Amino acid sequence: MITTHVLDTAAGRPGAGIAIALERLDGTAWVAVGHGATDDDGRLRTLTPPGPVAEGTYRIRFDTGAYLASRGQAGFFPVVEIQFTVADGAQHYHVPLLLSPFGYSTYRGS
């Protein structure tokens, strides 16, 4: 299972309503796996169904520009794209994003 959440570190609150897409690399092409938007708590729990996912390289794309613009803020990164490797598809992969208008950070969460 792959999940995510966004924390707006500049505002000190969850990043609600951020559009997110998840893709998996299949040969040389990216294939859509899931998409959605963060809830009021900044979480998206439905990128993949519960249970195992295919091993391989994934990328998760956060539409940060639209989120910041909706709050009247300019941002430096209109899209944040994170690529990561799933080595054991039976594990839970949680990929959080800590966001501010001019920077971001991520890590593998639990």
N, C-alpha and C. Protein backbone atom coordinates (compact mmCIF):
# COMPACT_ATOMS: atom_id res chain seq x y z
N MET A 1 0.84 -1.18 0.00
CA MET A 1 0.00 0.00 0.00
C MET A 1 0.89 1.24 0.00
N ILE A 2 0.47 2.27 -0.74
CA ILE A 2 1.20 3.54 -0.80
C ILE A 2 0.24 4.64 -0.38
N THR A 3 0.66 5.43 0.60
CA THR A 3 -0.14 6.55 1.09
C THR A 3 0.74 7.78 1.19
N THR A 4 0.10 8.94 1.43
CA THR A 4 0.86 10.18 1.57
C THR A 4 0.10 11.15 2.46
N HIS A 5 0.78 12.17 2.87
CA HIS A 5 0.14 13.34 3.48
C HIS A 5 1.03 14.55 3.25
N VAL A 6 0.42 15.73 3.36
CA VAL A 6 1.14 16.98 3.14
C VAL A 6 0.94 17.87 4.36
N LEU A 7 2.04 18.41 4.86
CA LEU A 7 2.00 19.40 5.93
C LEU A 7 2.52 20.72 5.37
N ASP A 8 1.70 21.74 5.43
CA ASP A 8 2.09 23.09 5.02
C ASP A 8 2.87 23.68 6.19
N THR A 9 4.20 23.60 6.13
CA THR A 9 5.02 24.02 7.27
C THR A 9 5.01 25.54 7.47
N ALA A 10 4.77 26.29 6.41
CA ALA A 10 4.72 27.75 6.55
C ALA A 10 3.48 28.19 7.31
N ALA A 11 2.39 27.46 7.11
CA ALA A 11 1.12 27.80 7.77
C ALA A 11 0.93 27.01 9.06
N GLY A 12 1.70 25.94 9.24
CA GLY A 12 1.56 25.12 10.43
C GLY A 12 0.26 24.33 10.44
N ARG A 13 -0.17 23.87 9.26
CA ARG A 13 -1.43 23.10 9.17
C ARG A 13 -1.33 22.10 8.02
N PRO A 14 -2.27 21.15 7.99
CA PRO A 14 -2.28 20.19 6.89
C PRO A 14 -2.51 20.89 5.55
N GLY A 15 -1.93 20.33 4.52
CA GLY A 15 -2.14 20.82 3.15
C GLY A 15 -3.37 20.14 2.56
N ALA A 16 -4.52 20.75 2.70
CA ALA A 16 -5.79 20.17 2.24
C ALA A 16 -6.06 20.53 0.78
N GLY A 17 -6.64 19.58 0.06
CA GLY A 17 -7.08 19.84 -1.31
C GLY A 17 -5.97 19.83 -2.35
N ILE A 18 -4.85 19.21 -2.06
CA ILE A 18 -3.74 19.15 -3.02
C ILE A 18 -3.93 17.94 -3.94
N ALA A 19 -3.95 18.19 -5.23
CA ALA A 19 -4.09 17.11 -6.21
C ALA A 19 -2.78 16.32 -6.27
N ILE A 20 -2.93 14.98 -6.33
CA ILE A 20 -1.78 14.09 -6.31
C ILE A 20 -2.00 12.98 -7.34
N ALA A 21 -0.93 12.60 -8.02
CA ALA A 21 -0.97 11.47 -8.96
C ALA A 21 0.18 10.53 -8.64
N LEU A 22 -0.08 9.24 -8.76
CA LEU A 22 0.94 8.22 -8.53
C LEU A 22 1.09 7.39 -9.80
N GLU A 23 2.35 7.18 -10.22
CA GLU A 23 2.64 6.40 -11.42
C GLU A 23 3.75 5.40 -11.11
N ARG A 24 3.80 4.32 -11.90
CA ARG A 24 4.85 3.31 -11.79
C ARG A 24 5.55 3.20 -13.12
N LEU A 25 6.87 3.08 -13.09
CA LEU A 25 7.65 2.94 -14.31
C LEU A 25 7.51 1.52 -14.84
N ASP A 26 7.07 1.42 -16.09
CA ASP A 26 6.92 0.13 -16.76
C ASP A 26 7.78 0.17 -18.02
N GLY A 27 8.99 -0.37 -17.93
CA GLY A 27 9.93 -0.26 -19.04
C GLY A 27 10.44 1.16 -19.13
N THR A 28 10.01 1.88 -20.18
CA THR A 28 10.40 3.28 -20.34
C THR A 28 9.22 4.23 -20.21
N ALA A 29 8.05 3.70 -19.89
CA ALA A 29 6.84 4.53 -19.81
C ALA A 29 6.29 4.54 -18.38
N TRP A 30 5.75 5.68 -18.00
CA TRP A 30 5.09 5.82 -16.70
C TRP A 30 3.61 5.44 -16.87
N VAL A 31 3.13 4.59 -15.96
CA VAL A 31 1.75 4.10 -16.01
C VAL A 31 1.01 4.60 -14.77
N ALA A 32 -0.16 5.20 -14.98
CA ALA A 32 -0.96 5.71 -13.86
C ALA A 32 -1.36 4.57 -12.93
N VAL A 33 -1.20 4.81 -11.64
CA VAL A 33 -1.57 3.82 -10.62
C VAL A 33 -2.73 4.34 -9.78
N GLY A 34 -2.69 5.63 -9.43
CA GLY A 34 -3.73 6.21 -8.59
C GLY A 34 -3.65 7.72 -8.60
N HIS A 35 -4.72 8.33 -8.14
CA HIS A 35 -4.75 9.79 -8.03
C HIS A 35 -5.83 10.19 -7.04
N GLY A 36 -5.80 11.43 -6.66
CA GLY A 36 -6.79 11.96 -5.73
C GLY A 36 -6.33 13.30 -5.20
N ALA A 37 -6.94 13.71 -4.10
CA ALA A 37 -6.58 14.97 -3.45
C ALA A 37 -6.55 14.75 -1.94
N THR A 38 -5.71 15.52 -1.28
CA THR A 38 -5.61 15.38 0.17
C THR A 38 -6.90 15.83 0.85
N ASP A 39 -7.22 15.18 1.96
CA ASP A 39 -8.41 15.52 2.73
C ASP A 39 -8.11 16.70 3.66
N ASP A 40 -9.04 17.04 4.53
CA ASP A 40 -8.86 18.17 5.43
C ASP A 40 -7.68 17.99 6.39
N ASP A 41 -7.28 16.74 6.59
CA ASP A 41 -6.14 16.43 7.45
C ASP A 41 -4.84 16.34 6.64
N GLY A 42 -4.91 16.68 5.33
CA GLY A 42 -3.73 16.66 4.47
C GLY A 42 -3.33 15.26 4.02
N ARG A 43 -4.22 14.28 4.20
CA ARG A 43 -3.88 12.89 3.89
C ARG A 43 -4.58 12.38 2.64
N LEU A 44 -3.92 11.45 1.97
CA LEU A 44 -4.52 10.71 0.86
C LEU A 44 -4.20 9.24 1.09
N ARG A 45 -5.21 8.51 1.53
CA ARG A 45 -5.04 7.11 1.92
C ARG A 45 -5.41 6.14 0.80
N THR A 46 -5.89 6.66 -0.34
CA THR A 46 -6.44 5.80 -1.38
C THR A 46 -5.66 5.86 -2.70
N LEU A 47 -4.36 6.14 -2.63
CA LEU A 47 -3.56 6.12 -3.86
C LEU A 47 -3.51 4.71 -4.44
N THR A 48 -3.43 3.72 -3.58
CA THR A 48 -3.51 2.32 -3.99
C THR A 48 -4.49 1.62 -3.06
N PRO A 49 -5.09 0.54 -3.51
CA PRO A 49 -5.96 -0.23 -2.62
C PRO A 49 -5.12 -0.84 -1.49
N PRO A 50 -5.75 -1.16 -0.37
CA PRO A 50 -5.01 -1.86 0.69
C PRO A 50 -4.39 -3.15 0.15
N GLY A 51 -3.24 -3.49 0.67
CA GLY A 51 -2.59 -4.73 0.25
C GLY A 51 -1.35 -4.47 -0.56
N PRO A 52 -0.76 -5.54 -1.06
CA PRO A 52 0.52 -5.44 -1.78
C PRO A 52 0.43 -4.62 -3.06
N VAL A 53 1.56 -4.02 -3.42
CA VAL A 53 1.70 -3.30 -4.69
C VAL A 53 2.86 -3.92 -5.45
N ALA A 54 2.92 -3.68 -6.74
CA ALA A 54 4.01 -4.20 -7.56
C ALA A 54 5.32 -3.56 -7.14
N GLU A 55 6.37 -4.33 -7.13
CA GLU A 55 7.70 -3.78 -6.87
C GLU A 55 8.13 -2.96 -8.07
N GLY A 56 9.01 -2.00 -7.83
CA GLY A 56 9.51 -1.19 -8.92
C GLY A 56 9.69 0.26 -8.53
N THR A 57 9.87 1.11 -9.55
CA THR A 57 10.07 2.54 -9.35
C THR A 57 8.75 3.27 -9.53
N TYR A 58 8.45 4.14 -8.59
CA TYR A 58 7.23 4.94 -8.60
C TYR A 58 7.58 6.41 -8.58
N ARG A 59 6.63 7.23 -9.01
CA ARG A 59 6.76 8.67 -8.80
C ARG A 59 5.40 9.19 -8.33
N ILE A 60 5.49 10.09 -7.40
CA ILE A 60 4.30 10.74 -6.87
C ILE A 60 4.45 12.22 -7.17
N ARG A 61 3.38 12.80 -7.73
CA ARG A 61 3.42 14.20 -8.16
C ARG A 61 2.37 15.00 -7.38
N PHE A 62 2.82 16.06 -6.74
CA PHE A 62 1.97 16.94 -5.95
C PHE A 62 1.79 18.25 -6.71
N ASP A 63 0.55 18.67 -6.93
CA ASP A 63 0.27 19.94 -7.61
C ASP A 63 0.34 21.08 -6.60
N THR A 64 1.55 21.43 -6.23
CA THR A 64 1.77 22.43 -5.18
C THR A 64 1.47 23.85 -5.65
N GLY A 65 1.67 24.12 -6.93
CA GLY A 65 1.42 25.47 -7.46
C GLY A 65 -0.04 25.87 -7.31
N ALA A 66 -0.95 24.99 -7.67
CA ALA A 66 -2.38 25.30 -7.55
C ALA A 66 -2.78 25.47 -6.09
N TYR A 67 -2.22 24.64 -5.21
CA TYR A 67 -2.51 24.75 -3.78
C TYR A 67 -2.08 26.11 -3.24
N LEU A 68 -0.84 26.49 -3.53
CA LEU A 68 -0.34 27.77 -3.03
C LEU A 68 -1.10 28.95 -3.64
N ALA A 69 -1.40 28.88 -4.93
CA ALA A 69 -2.15 29.96 -5.59
C ALA A 69 -3.53 30.12 -4.96
N SER A 70 -4.16 29.02 -4.57
CA SER A 70 -5.49 29.09 -3.95
C SER A 70 -5.45 29.80 -2.60
N ARG A 71 -4.26 29.93 -2.03
CA ARG A 71 -4.07 30.64 -0.76
C ARG A 71 -3.43 32.02 -0.97
N GLY A 72 -3.37 32.44 -2.23
CA GLY A 72 -2.82 33.76 -2.54
C GLY A 72 -1.32 33.85 -2.37
N GLN A 73 -0.64 32.71 -2.45
CA GLN A 73 0.80 32.69 -2.28
C GLN A 73 1.50 32.33 -3.59
N ALA A 74 2.63 32.94 -3.81
CA ALA A 74 3.49 32.53 -4.91
C ALA A 74 4.38 31.41 -4.39
N GLY A 75 4.74 30.51 -5.25
CA GLY A 75 5.63 29.43 -4.86
C GLY A 75 6.71 29.23 -5.90
N PHE A 76 7.78 28.60 -5.50
CA PHE A 76 8.90 28.37 -6.39
C PHE A 76 8.76 27.06 -7.16
N PHE A 77 8.12 26.06 -6.54
CA PHE A 77 7.95 24.74 -7.15
C PHE A 77 6.48 24.53 -7.51
N PRO A 78 6.11 24.65 -8.78
CA PRO A 78 4.70 24.45 -9.15
C PRO A 78 4.27 23.00 -9.03
N VAL A 79 5.22 22.09 -9.15
CA VAL A 79 4.97 20.65 -8.98
C VAL A 79 6.13 20.07 -8.19
N VAL A 80 5.81 19.23 -7.22
CA VAL A 80 6.84 18.47 -6.54
C VAL A 80 6.68 17.02 -6.98
N GLU A 81 7.77 16.46 -7.51
CA GLU A 81 7.76 15.08 -7.99
C GLU A 81 8.82 14.30 -7.21
N ILE A 82 8.38 13.20 -6.62
CA ILE A 82 9.28 12.37 -5.83
C ILE A 82 9.29 10.97 -6.44
N GLN A 83 10.46 10.49 -6.77
CA GLN A 83 10.60 9.12 -7.24
C GLN A 83 11.15 8.26 -6.11
N PHE A 84 10.64 7.05 -6.00
CA PHE A 84 11.08 6.14 -4.96
C PHE A 84 10.95 4.70 -5.44
N THR A 85 11.64 3.80 -4.76
CA THR A 85 11.66 2.40 -5.14
C THR A 85 10.91 1.55 -4.12
N VAL A 86 10.01 0.73 -4.61
CA VAL A 86 9.32 -0.25 -3.78
C VAL A 86 10.07 -1.57 -3.96
N ALA A 87 10.76 -1.99 -2.90
CA ALA A 87 11.54 -3.22 -2.96
C ALA A 87 10.74 -4.42 -2.46
N ASP A 88 9.79 -4.18 -1.59
CA ASP A 88 8.95 -5.24 -1.02
C ASP A 88 7.51 -4.75 -1.06
N GLY A 89 6.77 -5.20 -2.06
CA GLY A 89 5.41 -4.72 -2.28
C GLY A 89 4.43 -5.04 -1.17
N ALA A 90 4.80 -5.91 -0.24
CA ALA A 90 3.92 -6.25 0.88
C ALA A 90 4.00 -5.21 2.00
N GLN A 91 5.02 -4.36 1.98
CA GLN A 91 5.17 -3.34 3.02
C GLN A 91 4.30 -2.12 2.71
N HIS A 92 4.06 -1.31 3.75
CA HIS A 92 3.35 -0.04 3.60
C HIS A 92 4.39 1.04 3.32
N TYR A 93 4.20 1.77 2.23
CA TYR A 93 5.08 2.87 1.85
C TYR A 93 4.31 4.17 2.03
N HIS A 94 4.74 4.98 2.99
CA HIS A 94 4.11 6.26 3.27
C HIS A 94 5.10 7.34 2.87
N VAL A 95 4.69 8.23 1.95
CA VAL A 95 5.59 9.24 1.40
C VAL A 95 5.02 10.62 1.72
N PRO A 96 5.40 11.20 2.87
CA PRO A 96 4.90 12.52 3.25
C PRO A 96 5.66 13.65 2.57
N LEU A 97 5.00 14.80 2.48
CA LEU A 97 5.62 16.00 1.93
C LEU A 97 5.47 17.12 2.94
N LEU A 98 6.60 17.71 3.33
CA LEU A 98 6.61 18.91 4.17
C LEU A 98 6.85 20.07 3.23
N LEU A 99 5.87 20.95 3.12
CA LEU A 99 5.86 21.97 2.06
C LEU A 99 5.88 23.38 2.62
N SER A 100 6.67 24.24 1.99
CA SER A 100 6.59 25.69 2.19
C SER A 100 6.65 26.31 0.80
N PRO A 101 6.35 27.60 0.65
CA PRO A 101 6.34 28.19 -0.68
C PRO A 101 7.67 28.08 -1.44
N PHE A 102 8.78 27.99 -0.72
CA PHE A 102 10.08 28.01 -1.39
C PHE A 102 10.96 26.81 -1.07
N GLY A 103 10.36 25.75 -0.57
CA GLY A 103 11.12 24.55 -0.28
C GLY A 103 10.22 23.40 0.12
N TYR A 104 10.80 22.21 0.13
CA TYR A 104 10.06 21.05 0.58
C TYR A 104 11.03 19.98 1.07
N SER A 105 10.50 19.04 1.81
CA SER A 105 11.27 17.92 2.31
C SER A 105 10.37 16.70 2.31
N THR A 106 10.97 15.54 2.25
CA THR A 106 10.20 14.30 2.28
C THR A 106 11.03 13.21 2.94
N TYR A 107 10.39 12.11 3.24
CA TYR A 107 11.06 10.96 3.87
C TYR A 107 10.12 9.76 3.73
N ARG A 108 10.63 8.59 4.03
CA ARG A 108 9.75 7.42 4.06
C ARG A 108 9.18 7.32 5.48
N GLY A 109 7.89 7.51 5.56
CA GLY A 109 7.21 7.45 6.84
C GLY A 109 6.64 6.08 7.12
N SER A 110 5.82 6.03 8.15
CA SER A 110 5.20 4.75 8.53
C SER A 110 3.69 4.88 8.59
